[in-house]
Amino acid sequence: MAEERLQKIIASAGVTSRRKAEELITEGRVMVNGAVITELGSKADIERDHIKVDGRLLRQATHHTYLALYKPRNYVTTVHDPERRPTVMDLIKGVKDRVYPVGRLDYASEGLLLLTNDGDLANVLTTAKSHVPKIYLVKVNGMLSSDQEEQFRMGISLGGRRTAPAGLKLTRRAENPWYEVRLIEGRTNQIRNMFRHFGLLVEKLKRVRIGPLDLGSLVPGEFRHLSPREVQEFRRLVK
């Protein structure tokens, strides 16, 4: 097998996403043939080289696993949490293959989360330029004005950088209304920060769709394997 970048090898082995794998390398937690590797451009061959992450020997994933999980509130979207909070991995029972969450939902948010050991797919879905749409239902503590709705859709400045155009639709008119939000990017706490820009606070946030994948009838804490059709639709994104 030809040499590949270490972060790709780590992601393909089902350890974590390619972006997180880069952090593991720079933190000195990856060894190749007994030597600690910290350079992101480093390459290796998983069939020939002895690669360890946090002391565990990597083995090539024999096949890919794809799971859809309904992440409950008050779970972190990581494999391990230094603060010992519950993670989404605590909910994955009876799955032999090592999988990891693709992207993230913040601690207080809930809804659809994809987990896999397919490093190529994970990389596509977490790359900003991929523009894979994600849809959320959001309850806030007040109404946006018509002008604010238009600004929200066109993009606003957050942290000195303009957000990409977004979809916004009022789904329930009330004192504490619900909006449907469609994003093609995924900055940290983006939806909460966008509403906060207009002086509103998000009370509930639930992701209901990622690209072709829908939350469906899953309940909080429940997961299922993707169907062959759903996997094929995601593989089209990779191509």
Protein backbone atom coordinates (compact mmCIF):
# COMPACT_ATOMS: atom_id res chain seq x y z
CA MET A 1 0.00 0.00 0.00
CA ALA A 2 1.31 3.48 -0.87
CA GLU A 3 2.21 5.97 1.84
CA GLU A 4 -0.50 8.38 2.95
CA ARG A 5 -0.62 11.37 5.26
CA LEU A 6 -0.86 10.31 8.89
CA GLN A 7 -4.06 12.25 9.57
CA LYS A 8 -5.79 10.38 6.75
CA ILE A 9 -4.54 7.01 8.03
CA ILE A 10 -5.79 7.80 11.54
CA ALA A 11 -9.23 8.86 10.26
CA SER A 12 -9.51 5.83 7.97
CA ALA A 13 -8.73 3.55 10.92
CA GLY A 14 -11.82 4.91 12.68
CA VAL A 15 -10.00 6.70 15.48
CA THR A 16 -11.28 10.22 14.92
CA SER A 17 -11.91 12.79 12.20
CA ARG A 18 -9.07 13.99 9.99
CA ARG A 19 -9.17 17.45 11.59
CA LYS A 20 -8.96 15.99 15.10
CA ALA A 21 -6.20 13.64 13.92
CA GLU A 22 -4.13 16.70 13.01
CA GLU A 23 -4.47 17.89 16.60
CA LEU A 24 -3.34 14.49 17.90
CA ILE A 25 -0.23 14.70 15.72
CA THR A 26 0.73 18.23 16.76
CA GLU A 27 0.16 17.29 20.42
CA GLY A 28 2.74 14.50 20.10
CA ARG A 29 0.26 11.68 20.66
CA VAL A 30 1.15 9.76 17.48
CA MET A 31 4.12 7.42 17.06
CA VAL A 32 5.44 5.74 13.91
CA ASN A 33 7.91 2.89 14.37
CA GLY A 34 8.66 4.04 17.92
CA ALA A 35 9.26 7.71 17.06
CA VAL A 36 6.90 10.54 18.08
CA ILE A 37 5.64 12.41 15.00
CA THR A 38 4.51 16.04 15.25
CA GLU A 39 4.80 17.22 11.61
CA LEU A 40 1.48 17.35 9.76
CA GLY A 41 3.10 16.55 6.41
CA SER A 42 4.41 13.19 7.66
CA LYS A 43 3.41 10.06 5.77
CA ALA A 44 3.32 6.36 6.57
CA ASP A 45 2.01 3.03 5.30
CA ILE A 46 -0.41 1.32 7.68
CA GLU A 47 0.42 -2.11 6.20
CA ARG A 48 4.15 -1.67 6.71
CA ASP A 49 4.62 0.80 9.56
CA HIS A 50 3.91 0.41 13.27
CA ILE A 51 1.54 3.35 14.03
CA LYS A 52 0.25 4.12 17.52
CA VAL A 53 -2.18 6.76 18.78
CA ASP A 54 -2.12 7.31 22.53
CA GLY A 55 -0.26 4.03 22.81
CA ARG A 56 -2.81 1.99 20.86
CA LEU A 57 -1.73 0.24 17.69
CA LEU A 58 -3.71 1.23 14.60
CA ARG A 59 -5.33 -1.38 12.43
CA GLN A 60 -6.95 -0.68 9.10
CA ALA A 61 -10.75 -0.65 9.18
CA THR A 62 -12.02 -3.78 7.43
CA HIS A 63 -15.29 -2.13 6.40
CA HIS A 64 -17.12 1.13 6.92
CA THR A 65 -19.88 1.66 9.45
CA TYR A 66 -22.40 4.51 9.30
CA LEU A 67 -24.72 5.42 12.19
CA ALA A 68 -27.40 8.05 12.67
CA LEU A 69 -27.78 9.09 16.32
CA TYR A 70 -30.29 11.37 18.03
CA LYS A 71 -27.93 13.24 20.35
CA PRO A 72 -29.72 14.27 23.54
CA ARG A 73 -29.03 17.56 25.29
CA ASN A 74 -26.19 17.63 27.83
CA TYR A 75 -23.91 15.24 25.93
CA VAL A 76 -20.64 16.33 24.36
CA THR A 77 -19.83 15.42 20.76
CA THR A 78 -16.40 13.93 21.36
CA VAL A 79 -14.88 10.50 21.82
CA HIS A 80 -13.36 11.47 25.19
CA ASP A 81 -14.06 14.42 27.48
CA PRO A 82 -11.40 15.65 29.96
CA GLU A 83 -14.18 17.07 32.16
CA ARG A 84 -15.73 13.58 32.42
CA ARG A 85 -19.08 14.72 31.03
CA PRO A 86 -21.17 12.10 29.19
CA THR A 87 -20.19 11.82 25.52
CA VAL A 88 -22.17 10.59 22.54
CA MET A 89 -19.96 7.48 22.52
CA ASP A 90 -21.64 6.38 25.78
CA LEU A 91 -24.82 5.87 23.73
CA ILE A 92 -23.28 3.59 21.09
CA LYS A 93 -23.77 0.05 22.40
CA GLY A 94 -23.30 -3.23 20.54
CA VAL A 95 -21.28 -1.78 17.62
CA LYS A 96 -18.05 -3.71 17.04
CA ASP A 97 -16.35 -1.19 14.77
CA ARG A 98 -14.73 1.95 16.16
CA VAL A 99 -16.67 4.98 14.94
CA TYR A 100 -16.44 8.68 15.77
CA PRO A 101 -18.81 11.66 15.45
CA VAL A 102 -18.67 13.70 12.26
CA GLY A 103 -18.85 17.40 13.03
CA ARG A 104 -20.40 18.48 16.29
CA LEU A 105 -23.49 19.60 18.16
CA ASP A 106 -22.84 21.71 21.23
CA TYR A 107 -23.54 20.44 24.74
CA ALA A 108 -26.95 22.10 25.06
CA SER A 109 -28.15 21.19 21.55
CA GLU A 110 -29.81 17.99 20.37
CA GLY A 111 -30.66 16.16 17.20
CA LEU A 112 -29.12 14.33 14.29
CA LEU A 113 -25.48 13.28 14.43
CA LEU A 114 -23.61 11.05 11.98
CA LEU A 115 -20.95 8.65 13.27
CA THR A 116 -18.66 6.61 11.02
CA ASN A 117 -15.17 5.22 10.48
CA ASP A 118 -15.17 6.43 6.87
CA GLY A 119 -12.45 9.07 6.98
CA ASP A 120 -13.02 10.29 3.41
CA LEU A 121 -16.71 10.96 4.02
CA ALA A 122 -16.03 12.60 7.38
CA ASN A 123 -13.48 14.90 5.75
CA VAL A 124 -15.94 15.99 3.06
CA LEU A 125 -18.71 16.69 5.56
CA THR A 126 -16.49 18.76 7.86
CA THR A 127 -14.83 20.80 5.12
CA ALA A 128 -16.41 24.25 4.78
CA LYS A 129 -16.15 24.26 0.97
CA SER A 130 -18.28 21.11 0.70
CA HIS A 131 -21.45 23.16 1.40
CA VAL A 132 -23.43 20.15 2.63
CA PRO A 133 -26.70 21.65 3.95
CA LYS A 134 -27.81 21.08 7.53
CA ILE A 135 -31.28 21.93 8.81
CA TYR A 136 -32.17 22.93 12.38
CA LEU A 137 -35.33 23.73 14.33
CA VAL A 138 -34.68 26.63 16.71
CA LYS A 139 -36.80 28.11 19.49
CA VAL A 140 -35.85 31.67 20.47
CA ASN A 141 -37.09 34.18 23.04
CA GLY A 142 -38.47 36.68 20.55
CA MET A 143 -39.32 37.44 16.93
CA LEU A 144 -36.95 38.74 14.30
CA SER A 145 -38.17 41.75 12.34
CA SER A 146 -38.53 41.48 8.56
CA ASP A 147 -35.30 43.43 8.10
CA GLN A 148 -33.47 41.19 10.57
CA GLU A 149 -34.75 38.08 8.79
CA GLU A 150 -33.33 39.37 5.52
CA GLN A 151 -29.97 40.16 7.12
CA PHE A 152 -29.92 36.66 8.64
CA ARG A 153 -30.49 35.13 5.20
CA MET A 154 -27.93 37.31 3.41
CA GLY A 155 -25.19 36.86 6.03
CA ILE A 156 -23.96 38.86 9.01
CA SER A 157 -20.53 39.63 10.45
CA LEU A 158 -19.48 37.31 13.28
CA GLY A 159 -16.00 37.65 14.70
CA GLY A 160 -14.97 39.82 11.78
CA ARG A 161 -16.04 37.26 9.17
CA ARG A 162 -19.31 37.22 7.24
CA THR A 163 -21.54 34.17 7.47
CA ALA A 164 -22.58 32.36 4.30
CA PRO A 165 -26.14 32.86 3.01
CA ALA A 166 -28.58 30.88 5.17
CA GLY A 167 -32.12 29.63 4.91
CA LEU A 168 -34.61 30.97 7.47
CA LYS A 169 -38.32 30.21 7.82
CA LEU A 170 -40.72 30.99 10.67
CA THR A 171 -42.46 27.69 11.48
CA ARG A 172 -44.39 28.66 14.63
CA ARG A 173 -45.43 32.23 15.42
CA ALA A 174 -45.55 32.77 19.19
CA GLU A 175 -44.05 34.82 22.00
CA ASN A 176 -41.22 32.29 21.84
CA PRO A 177 -41.28 31.39 18.14
CA TRP A 178 -39.71 28.47 16.27
CA TYR A 179 -37.59 28.96 13.15
CA GLU A 180 -36.22 26.51 10.63
CA VAL A 181 -32.59 27.39 9.81
CA ARG A 182 -30.60 25.96 6.91
CA LEU A 183 -26.80 26.32 7.00
CA ILE A 184 -24.05 25.31 4.59
CA GLU A 185 -21.27 26.06 7.07
CA GLY A 186 -20.71 25.03 10.66
CA ARG A 187 -18.92 27.54 12.83
CA THR A 188 -18.90 26.94 16.58
CA ASN A 189 -22.25 27.97 18.11
CA GLN A 190 -23.09 29.69 14.82
CA ILE A 191 -26.88 29.69 15.11
CA ARG A 192 -26.83 30.84 18.73
CA ASN A 193 -24.41 33.62 17.82
CA MET A 194 -26.45 34.69 14.79
CA PHE A 195 -29.61 35.14 16.88
CA ARG A 196 -27.57 36.79 19.65
CA HIS A 197 -26.38 39.31 17.03
CA PHE A 198 -30.01 40.49 16.92
CA GLY A 199 -30.44 40.47 20.72
CA LEU A 200 -32.24 37.12 20.90
CA LEU A 201 -31.37 34.00 22.87
CA VAL A 202 -31.81 30.43 21.62
CA GLU A 203 -33.87 28.35 24.06
CA LYS A 204 -33.86 25.06 22.14
CA LEU A 205 -31.90 23.87 19.11
CA LYS A 206 -32.43 20.58 17.29
CA ARG A 207 -30.72 19.44 14.08
CA VAL A 208 -33.12 17.45 11.92
CA ARG A 209 -31.18 16.90 8.69
CA ILE A 210 -27.62 16.51 7.33
CA GLY A 211 -27.49 16.46 3.54
CA PRO A 212 -29.64 13.48 2.46
CA LEU A 213 -29.99 12.09 5.99
CA ASP A 214 -33.11 12.86 8.05
CA LEU A 215 -33.61 12.46 11.82
CA GLY A 216 -36.80 10.54 11.12
CA SER A 217 -38.42 8.69 14.03
CA LEU A 218 -35.31 8.44 16.23
CA VAL A 219 -35.78 9.47 19.86
CA PRO A 220 -33.11 11.03 22.11
CA GLY A 221 -30.29 8.57 22.78
CA GLU A 222 -31.34 6.16 20.01
CA PHE A 223 -29.25 5.29 16.95
CA ARG A 224 -29.59 3.20 13.81
CA HIS A 225 -27.42 1.99 10.95
CA LEU A 226 -27.82 3.84 7.67
CA SER A 227 -29.52 1.96 4.86
CA PRO A 228 -27.53 1.04 1.72
CA ARG A 229 -29.41 3.77 -0.17
CA GLU A 230 -28.48 6.40 2.40
CA VAL A 231 -24.84 5.30 2.33
CA GLN A 232 -24.82 5.55 -1.46
CA GLU A 233 -26.24 9.07 -1.31
CA PHE A 234 -23.45 10.10 1.06
CA ARG A 235 -20.82 8.45 -1.14
CA ARG A 236 -21.98 10.64 -4.00
CA LEU A 237 -20.96 13.61 -1.87
CA VAL A 238 -17.44 12.18 -1.58
CA LYS A 239 -17.18 11.87 -5.35
